């Protein structure tokens, strides 16, 4: 059994208003054995799509390389936009060494409510995945249920939007389509995607995510 720990502390400042919440980066980040093009920072996998999507939306001219400059670019963007990152999983165990959420067992969660209390300007959680087993929404629901905090539906259309009341404020929760290749099949069956693809055969799953993410970043 392989113990998979999160290699990065939450990246949050006193002015953070939006918090990106996922699960764990690929195990190689925990081991410190990175691939060419990986950035040694949250969501830094060269195979992931979060930073390429944000790069496209905001014209950031990001570097995709294992350098301090690439890390600093991402930190500067987050601070300038008052965006933080706090993945909800602290550690887990795995039989198979991969990045699958389903493969996680003996999961230890971070205290997401602690950070919402500590940083009172946070009013939005942007989840990088939905309510499938061990996804960020799945774990958030468990945390809120344990505290008897109501998780109310605002919109059931993809991306789903919920909200809950905590520390005298409403927290909006958006469950985005995951920025990983494994979510492409779900996108392919999405009616909006099918319509846009029919209108423009060159339209692809990356562009679909760009349209979706742009509304919430």
C-alpha atoms as a PDB file:
ATOM      1  CA  UNK A   1       0.000   0.000   0.000  1.00  0.00           C
ATOM      2  CA  UNK A   2       1.392   3.391  -1.040  1.00  0.00           C
ATOM      3  CA  UNK A   3       0.884   6.446   1.202  1.00  0.00           C
ATOM      4  CA  UNK A   4       0.075   9.468  -0.936  1.00  0.00           C
ATOM      5  CA  UNK A   5       0.503  12.816   0.834  1.00  0.00           C
ATOM      6  CA  UNK A   6      -0.304  16.268  -0.478  1.00  0.00           C
ATOM      7  CA  UNK A   7       3.039  17.984  -1.179  1.00  0.00           C
ATOM      8  CA  UNK A   8       1.760  21.571  -0.965  1.00  0.00           C
ATOM      9  CA  UNK A   9       0.337  23.647   1.858  1.00  0.00           C
ATOM     10  CA  UNK A  10      -2.830  25.657   1.140  1.00  0.00           C
ATOM     11  CA  UNK A  11      -2.055  28.832  -0.791  1.00  0.00           C
ATOM     12  CA  UNK A  12      -4.315  31.462   0.772  1.00  0.00           C
ATOM     13  CA  UNK A  13      -3.863  35.139   1.661  1.00  0.00           C
ATOM     14  CA  UNK A  14      -5.868  37.549   3.803  1.00  0.00           C
ATOM     15  CA  UNK A  15      -7.484  38.980   0.642  1.00  0.00           C
ATOM     16  CA  UNK A  16      -8.507  35.630  -0.892  1.00  0.00           C
ATOM     17  CA  UNK A  17     -12.138  35.632  -2.035  1.00  0.00           C
ATOM     18  CA  UNK A  18     -12.204  32.496  -4.219  1.00  0.00           C
ATOM     19  CA  UNK A  19     -10.758  29.155  -3.233  1.00  0.00           C
ATOM     20  CA  UNK A  20      -9.908  26.396  -5.721  1.00  0.00           C
ATOM     21  CA  UNK A  21     -10.578  23.003  -4.127  1.00  0.00           C
ATOM     22  CA  UNK A  22      -9.502  19.662  -5.567  1.00  0.00           C
ATOM     23  CA  UNK A  23      -8.173  16.420  -4.110  1.00  0.00           C
ATOM     24  CA  UNK A  24      -4.506  15.437  -4.658  1.00  0.00           C
ATOM     25  CA  UNK A  25      -1.886  16.009  -7.360  1.00  0.00           C
ATOM     26  CA  UNK A  26      -0.407  12.915  -9.046  1.00  0.00           C
ATOM     27  CA  UNK A  27       1.778  10.761  -6.749  1.00  0.00           C
ATOM     28  CA  UNK A  28       4.974  11.806  -8.534  1.00  0.00           C
ATOM     29  CA  UNK A  29       4.612  15.263  -6.948  1.00  0.00           C
ATOM     30  CA  UNK A  30       4.628  13.650  -3.499  1.00  0.00           C
ATOM     31  CA  UNK A  31       7.710  11.652  -4.494  1.00  0.00           C
ATOM     32  CA  UNK A  32       9.413  14.720  -6.010  1.00  0.00           C
ATOM     33  CA  UNK A  33      10.031  12.942  -9.313  1.00  0.00           C
ATOM     34  CA  UNK A  34       8.579  15.336 -11.875  1.00  0.00           C
ATOM     35  CA  UNK A  35       8.075  14.962 -15.608  1.00  0.00           C
ATOM     36  CA  UNK A  36       9.383  17.377 -18.213  1.00  0.00           C
ATOM     37  CA  UNK A  37       6.997  20.345 -18.287  1.00  0.00           C
ATOM     38  CA  UNK A  38       5.681  19.823 -14.749  1.00  0.00           C
ATOM     39  CA  UNK A  39       5.587  22.881 -12.514  1.00  0.00           C
ATOM     40  CA  UNK A  40       6.380  22.204  -8.847  1.00  0.00           C
ATOM     41  CA  UNK A  41       3.207  23.877  -7.607  1.00  0.00           C
ATOM     42  CA  UNK A  42      -0.494  23.190  -7.177  1.00  0.00           C
ATOM     43  CA  UNK A  43      -2.071  21.779 -10.372  1.00  0.00           C
ATOM     44  CA  UNK A  44       1.363  21.797 -11.963  1.00  0.00           C
ATOM     45  CA  UNK A  45       1.068  18.505 -13.846  1.00  0.00           C
ATOM     46  CA  UNK A  46       1.909  18.883 -17.528  1.00  0.00           C
ATOM     47  CA  UNK A  47      -1.006  16.500 -18.151  1.00  0.00           C
ATOM     48  CA  UNK A  48      -3.492  18.713 -16.261  1.00  0.00           C
ATOM     49  CA  UNK A  49      -5.573  21.449 -17.826  1.00  0.00           C
ATOM     50  CA  UNK A  50      -6.272  23.989 -15.087  1.00  0.00           C
ATOM     51  CA  UNK A  51      -3.291  26.233 -15.793  1.00  0.00           C
ATOM     52  CA  UNK A  52      -3.568  25.909 -19.600  1.00  0.00           C
ATOM     53  CA  UNK A  53      -7.234  26.958 -19.268  1.00  0.00           C
ATOM     54  CA  UNK A  54      -6.406  29.951 -17.071  1.00  0.00           C
ATOM     55  CA  UNK A  55      -3.518  30.797 -19.383  1.00  0.00           C
ATOM     56  CA  UNK A  56      -5.978  30.930 -22.275  1.00  0.00           C
ATOM     57  CA  UNK A  57      -8.646  32.937 -20.421  1.00  0.00           C
ATOM     58  CA  UNK A  58      -6.306  35.584 -19.025  1.00  0.00           C
ATOM     59  CA  UNK A  59      -3.526  35.590 -21.667  1.00  0.00           C
ATOM     60  CA  UNK A  60      -0.927  34.914 -18.982  1.00  0.00           C
ATOM     61  CA  UNK A  61       1.932  33.669 -21.176  1.00  0.00           C
ATOM     62  CA  UNK A  62       2.724  31.080 -18.536  1.00  0.00           C
ATOM     63  CA  UNK A  63       5.861  28.977 -18.570  1.00  0.00           C
ATOM     64  CA  UNK A  64       5.273  25.227 -18.473  1.00  0.00           C
ATOM     65  CA  UNK A  65       8.572  24.061 -17.047  1.00  0.00           C
ATOM     66  CA  UNK A  66      10.115  22.992 -13.747  1.00  0.00           C
ATOM     67  CA  UNK A  67      11.514  26.379 -12.744  1.00  0.00           C
ATOM     68  CA  UNK A  68      11.090  28.930  -9.964  1.00  0.00           C
ATOM     69  CA  UNK A  69       9.919  31.445 -12.576  1.00  0.00           C
ATOM     70  CA  UNK A  70       7.009  29.226 -13.569  1.00  0.00           C
ATOM     71  CA  UNK A  71       5.985  28.852  -9.915  1.00  0.00           C
ATOM     72  CA  UNK A  72       6.206  32.602  -9.302  1.00  0.00           C
ATOM     73  CA  UNK A  73       4.041  33.363 -12.350  1.00  0.00           C
ATOM     74  CA  UNK A  74       1.265  31.247 -10.887  1.00  0.00           C
ATOM     75  CA  UNK A  75       1.578  32.713  -7.403  1.00  0.00           C
ATOM     76  CA  UNK A  76       1.485  36.251  -8.801  1.00  0.00           C
ATOM     77  CA  UNK A  77      -1.650  35.499 -10.807  1.00  0.00           C
ATOM     78  CA  UNK A  78      -3.449  34.011  -7.801  1.00  0.00           C
ATOM     79  CA  UNK A  79      -2.526  36.896  -5.508  1.00  0.00           C
ATOM     80  CA  UNK A  80      -3.468  39.544  -8.062  1.00  0.00           C
ATOM     81  CA  UNK A  81      -6.882  37.905  -8.530  1.00  0.00           C
ATOM     82  CA  UNK A  82      -7.455  37.143  -4.838  1.00  0.00           C
ATOM     83  CA  UNK A  83      -7.680  33.428  -5.626  1.00  0.00           C
ATOM     84  CA  UNK A  84      -6.411  30.737  -3.275  1.00  0.00           C
ATOM     85  CA  UNK A  85      -5.917  26.978  -3.492  1.00  0.00           C
ATOM     86  CA  UNK A  86      -6.778  24.521  -0.738  1.00  0.00           C
ATOM     87  CA  UNK A  87      -7.294  20.936  -1.845  1.00  0.00           C
ATOM     88  CA  UNK A  88      -9.566  19.033   0.502  1.00  0.00           C
ATOM     89  CA  UNK A  89      -7.492  15.839   0.808  1.00  0.00           C
ATOM     90  CA  UNK A  90      -4.394  15.828   3.024  1.00  0.00           C
ATOM     91  CA  UNK A  91      -3.385  12.211   2.411  1.00  0.00           C
ATOM     92  CA  UNK A  92      -4.603   8.762   1.415  1.00  0.00           C
ATOM     93  CA  UNK A  93      -3.387   5.268   0.717  1.00  0.00           C
ATOM     94  CA  UNK A  94      -3.378   3.567  -2.676  1.00  0.00           C
ATOM     95  CA  UNK A  95      -2.922   0.030  -3.941  1.00  0.00           C
ATOM     96  CA  UNK A  96      -2.154   1.346  -7.416  1.00  0.00           C
ATOM     97  CA  UNK A  97       0.145   4.331  -7.865  1.00  0.00           C
ATOM     98  CA  UNK A  98      -1.985   6.653  -9.983  1.00  0.00           C
ATOM     99  CA  UNK A  99      -3.954   9.889  -9.629  1.00  0.00           C
ATOM    100  CA  UNK A 100      -7.427   8.343  -9.595  1.00  0.00           C
ATOM    101  CA  UNK A 101      -9.818   9.709  -6.956  1.00  0.00           C
ATOM    102  CA  UNK A 102     -11.576   6.342  -6.900  1.00  0.00           C
ATOM    103  CA  UNK A 103      -8.324   4.633  -5.934  1.00  0.00           C
ATOM    104  CA  UNK A 104      -7.972   6.585  -2.686  1.00  0.00           C
ATOM    105  CA  UNK A 105      -8.566   4.732   0.603  1.00  0.00           C
ATOM    106  CA  UNK A 106      -7.997   5.656   4.266  1.00  0.00           C
ATOM    107  CA  UNK A 107      -8.453   9.275   3.295  1.00  0.00           C
ATOM    108  CA  UNK A 108      -7.525  12.094   5.661  1.00  0.00           C
ATOM    109  CA  UNK A 109      -9.159  15.424   4.884  1.00  0.00           C
ATOM    110  CA  UNK A 110      -7.974  18.948   5.463  1.00  0.00           C
ATOM    111  CA  UNK A 111     -10.135  21.084   7.724  1.00  0.00           C
ATOM    112  CA  UNK A 112     -11.697  23.214   4.998  1.00  0.00           C
ATOM    113  CA  UNK A 113     -14.026  24.906   7.496  1.00  0.00           C
ATOM    114  CA  UNK A 114     -11.007  26.031   9.533  1.00  0.00           C
ATOM    115  CA  UNK A 115      -9.699  27.930   6.511  1.00  0.00           C
ATOM    116  CA  UNK A 116     -13.102  29.470   5.778  1.00  0.00           C
ATOM    117  CA  UNK A 117     -13.177  30.710   9.358  1.00  0.00           C
ATOM    118  CA  UNK A 118      -9.570  31.942   9.300  1.00  0.00           C
ATOM    119  CA  UNK A 119      -9.987  33.822   6.005  1.00  0.00           C
ATOM    120  CA  UNK A 120     -13.353  35.634   6.220  1.00  0.00           C
ATOM    121  CA  UNK A 121     -13.203  37.197   2.747  1.00  0.00           C
ATOM    122  CA  UNK A 122     -13.627  33.789   1.066  1.00  0.00           C
ATOM    123  CA  UNK A 123     -17.141  33.637  -0.399  1.00  0.00           C
ATOM    124  CA  UNK A 124     -16.654  31.181  -3.258  1.00  0.00           C
ATOM    125  CA  UNK A 125     -15.344  27.626  -3.579  1.00  0.00           C
ATOM    126  CA  UNK A 126     -14.406  26.486  -7.079  1.00  0.00           C
ATOM    127  CA  UNK A 127     -14.299  22.697  -7.081  1.00  0.00           C
ATOM    128  CA  UNK A 128     -12.214  20.959  -9.736  1.00  0.00           C
ATOM    129  CA  UNK A 129     -14.640  18.061  -9.982  1.00  0.00           C
ATOM    130  CA  UNK A 130     -18.090  16.934  -8.978  1.00  0.00           C
ATOM    131  CA  UNK A 131     -19.873  14.534  -6.670  1.00  0.00           C
ATOM    132  CA  UNK A 132     -18.459  11.255  -7.978  1.00  0.00           C
ATOM    133  CA  UNK A 133     -16.955   9.093  -5.220  1.00  0.00           C
ATOM    134  CA  UNK A 134     -13.924  10.756  -3.594  1.00  0.00           C
ATOM    135  CA  UNK A 135     -14.256  13.889  -5.725  1.00  0.00           C
ATOM    136  CA  UNK A 136     -14.010  17.324  -4.052  1.00  0.00           C
ATOM    137  CA  UNK A 137     -17.789  17.854  -3.916  1.00  0.00           C
ATOM    138  CA  UNK A 138     -18.242  14.364  -2.468  1.00  0.00           C
ATOM    139  CA  UNK A 139     -15.888  15.156   0.405  1.00  0.00           C
ATOM    140  CA  UNK A 140     -17.243  18.655   0.963  1.00  0.00           C
ATOM    141  CA  UNK A 141     -20.758  17.225   1.313  1.00  0.00           C
ATOM    142  CA  UNK A 142     -19.492  14.811   3.984  1.00  0.00           C
ATOM    143  CA  UNK A 143     -17.807  17.619   5.926  1.00  0.00           C
ATOM    144  CA  UNK A 144     -20.912  19.803   5.853  1.00  0.00           C
ATOM    145  CA  UNK A 145     -23.223  16.928   6.765  1.00  0.00           C
ATOM    146  CA  UNK A 146     -21.091  16.096   9.797  1.00  0.00           C
ATOM    147  CA  UNK A 147     -21.544  19.689  10.984  1.00  0.00           C
ATOM    148  CA  UNK A 148     -25.270  19.782  10.142  1.00  0.00           C
ATOM    149  CA  UNK A 149     -24.679  22.532   7.592  1.00  0.00           C
ATOM    150  CA  UNK A 150     -27.269  22.631   4.811  1.00  0.00           C
ATOM    151  CA  UNK A 151     -25.916  22.325   1.239  1.00  0.00           C
ATOM    152  CA  UNK A 152     -28.537  23.959  -0.973  1.00  0.00           C
ATOM    153  CA  UNK A 153     -28.913  23.585  -4.740  1.00  0.00           C
ATOM    154  CA  UNK A 154     -28.793  26.831  -6.727  1.00  0.00           C
ATOM    155  CA  UNK A 155     -28.488  25.270 -10.199  1.00  0.00           C
ATOM    156  CA  UNK A 156     -28.445  21.602 -11.228  1.00  0.00           C
ATOM    157  CA  UNK A 157     -27.106  22.328 -14.708  1.00  0.00           C
ATOM    158  CA  UNK A 158     -23.443  21.556 -15.387  1.00  0.00           C
ATOM    159  CA  UNK A 159     -21.504  23.085 -13.740  1.00  0.00           C
ATOM    160  CA  UNK A 160     -23.721  22.601 -10.691  1.00  0.00           C
ATOM    161  CA  UNK A 161     -23.921  25.447  -8.187  1.00  0.00           C
ATOM    162  CA  UNK A 162     -24.687  25.079  -4.486  1.00  0.00           C
ATOM    163  CA  UNK A 163     -24.404  27.294  -1.465  1.00  0.00           C
ATOM    164  CA  UNK A 164     -24.144  27.000   2.287  1.00  0.00           C
ATOM    165  CA  UNK A 165     -24.154  29.408   5.203  1.00  0.00           C
ATOM    166  CA  UNK A 166     -21.090  29.532   7.435  1.00  0.00           C
ATOM    167  CA  UNK A 167     -19.526  32.139   9.714  1.00  0.00           C
ATOM    168  CA  UNK A 168     -22.280  34.681   8.998  1.00  0.00           C
ATOM    169  CA  UNK A 169     -21.851  34.554   5.225  1.00  0.00           C
ATOM    170  CA  UNK A 170     -23.073  32.629   2.201  1.00  0.00           C
ATOM    171  CA  UNK A 171     -20.439  30.481   0.505  1.00  0.00           C
ATOM    172  CA  UNK A 172     -21.113  29.726  -3.176  1.00  0.00           C
ATOM    173  CA  UNK A 173     -19.853  26.372  -4.436  1.00  0.00           C
ATOM    174  CA  UNK A 174     -19.287  25.700  -8.147  1.00  0.00           C
ATOM    175  CA  UNK A 175     -18.471  22.136  -9.260  1.00  0.00           C
ATOM    176  CA  UNK A 176     -16.551  22.531 -12.510  1.00  0.00           C
ATOM    177  CA  UNK A 177     -15.902  19.811 -15.034  1.00  0.00           C
ATOM    178  CA  UNK A 178     -12.591  18.307 -13.908  1.00  0.00           C
ATOM    179  CA  UNK A 179      -9.477  19.671 -15.664  1.00  0.00           C
ATOM    180  CA  UNK A 180      -8.268  16.158 -16.481  1.00  0.00           C
ATOM    181  CA  UNK A 181      -8.497  13.921 -19.512  1.00  0.00           C
ATOM    182  CA  UNK A 182     -10.702  11.466 -17.610  1.00  0.00           C
ATOM    183  CA  UNK A 183     -13.575  13.976 -17.767  1.00  0.00           C
ATOM    184  CA  UNK A 184     -13.581  14.157 -21.580  1.00  0.00           C
ATOM    185  CA  UNK A 185     -16.080  11.315 -21.890  1.00  0.00           C
ATOM    186  CA  UNK A 186     -18.565  13.162 -19.677  1.00  0.00           C
ATOM    187  CA  UNK A 187     -18.091  16.321 -21.742  1.00  0.00           C
ATOM    188  CA  UNK A 188     -18.729  14.342 -24.921  1.00  0.00           C
ATOM    189  CA  UNK A 189     -22.193  13.377 -23.678  1.00  0.00           C
ATOM    190  CA  UNK A 190     -23.061  16.931 -22.577  1.00  0.00           C
ATOM    191  CA  UNK A 191     -25.904  18.362 -24.680  1.00  0.00           C
ATOM    192  CA  UNK A 192     -24.428  21.853 -24.783  1.00  0.00           C
ATOM    193  CA  UNK A 193     -21.101  20.452 -25.964  1.00  0.00           C
ATOM    194  CA  UNK A 194     -22.834  18.389 -28.656  1.00  0.00           C
ATOM    195  CA  UNK A 195     -24.665  21.480 -29.911  1.00  0.00           C
ATOM    196  CA  UNK A 196     -21.491  23.601 -30.025  1.00  0.00           C
ATOM    197  CA  UNK A 197     -19.615  20.752 -31.705  1.00  0.00           C
ATOM    198  CA  UNK A 198     -22.323  20.486 -34.345  1.00  0.00           C
ATOM    199  CA  UNK A 199     -22.124  24.215 -35.010  1.00  0.00           C
ATOM    200  CA  UNK A 200     -18.324  24.065 -35.213  1.00  0.00           C
ATOM    201  CA  UNK A 201     -16.732  20.640 -35.862  1.00  0.00           C
ATOM    202  CA  UNK A 202     -13.365  22.002 -34.687  1.00  0.00           C
ATOM    203  CA  UNK A 203     -14.764  22.808 -31.221  1.00  0.00           C
ATOM    204  CA  UNK A 204     -13.134  20.563 -28.592  1.00  0.00           C
ATOM    205  CA  UNK A 205     -13.289  19.603 -24.923  1.00  0.00           C
ATOM    206  CA  UNK A 206     -10.560  22.096 -23.966  1.00  0.00           C
ATOM    207  CA  UNK A 207     -12.514  24.997 -25.470  1.00  0.00           C
ATOM    208  CA  UNK A 208     -15.636  23.736 -23.700  1.00  0.00           C
ATOM    209  CA  UNK A 209     -13.820  23.989 -20.367  1.00  0.00           C
ATOM    210  CA  UNK A 210     -12.524  27.465 -21.237  1.00  0.00           C
ATOM    211  CA  UNK A 211     -16.100  28.668 -21.782  1.00  0.00           C
ATOM    212  CA  UNK A 212     -17.214  27.067 -18.528  1.00  0.00           C
ATOM    213  CA  UNK A 213     -14.332  28.233 -16.334  1.00  0.00           C
ATOM    214  CA  UNK A 214     -14.384  31.779 -17.688  1.00  0.00           C
ATOM    215  CA  UNK A 215     -17.719  32.464 -15.948  1.00  0.00           C
ATOM    216  CA  UNK A 216     -16.340  31.703 -12.508  1.00  0.00           C
ATOM    217  CA  UNK A 217     -12.761  32.998 -12.565  1.00  0.00           C
END
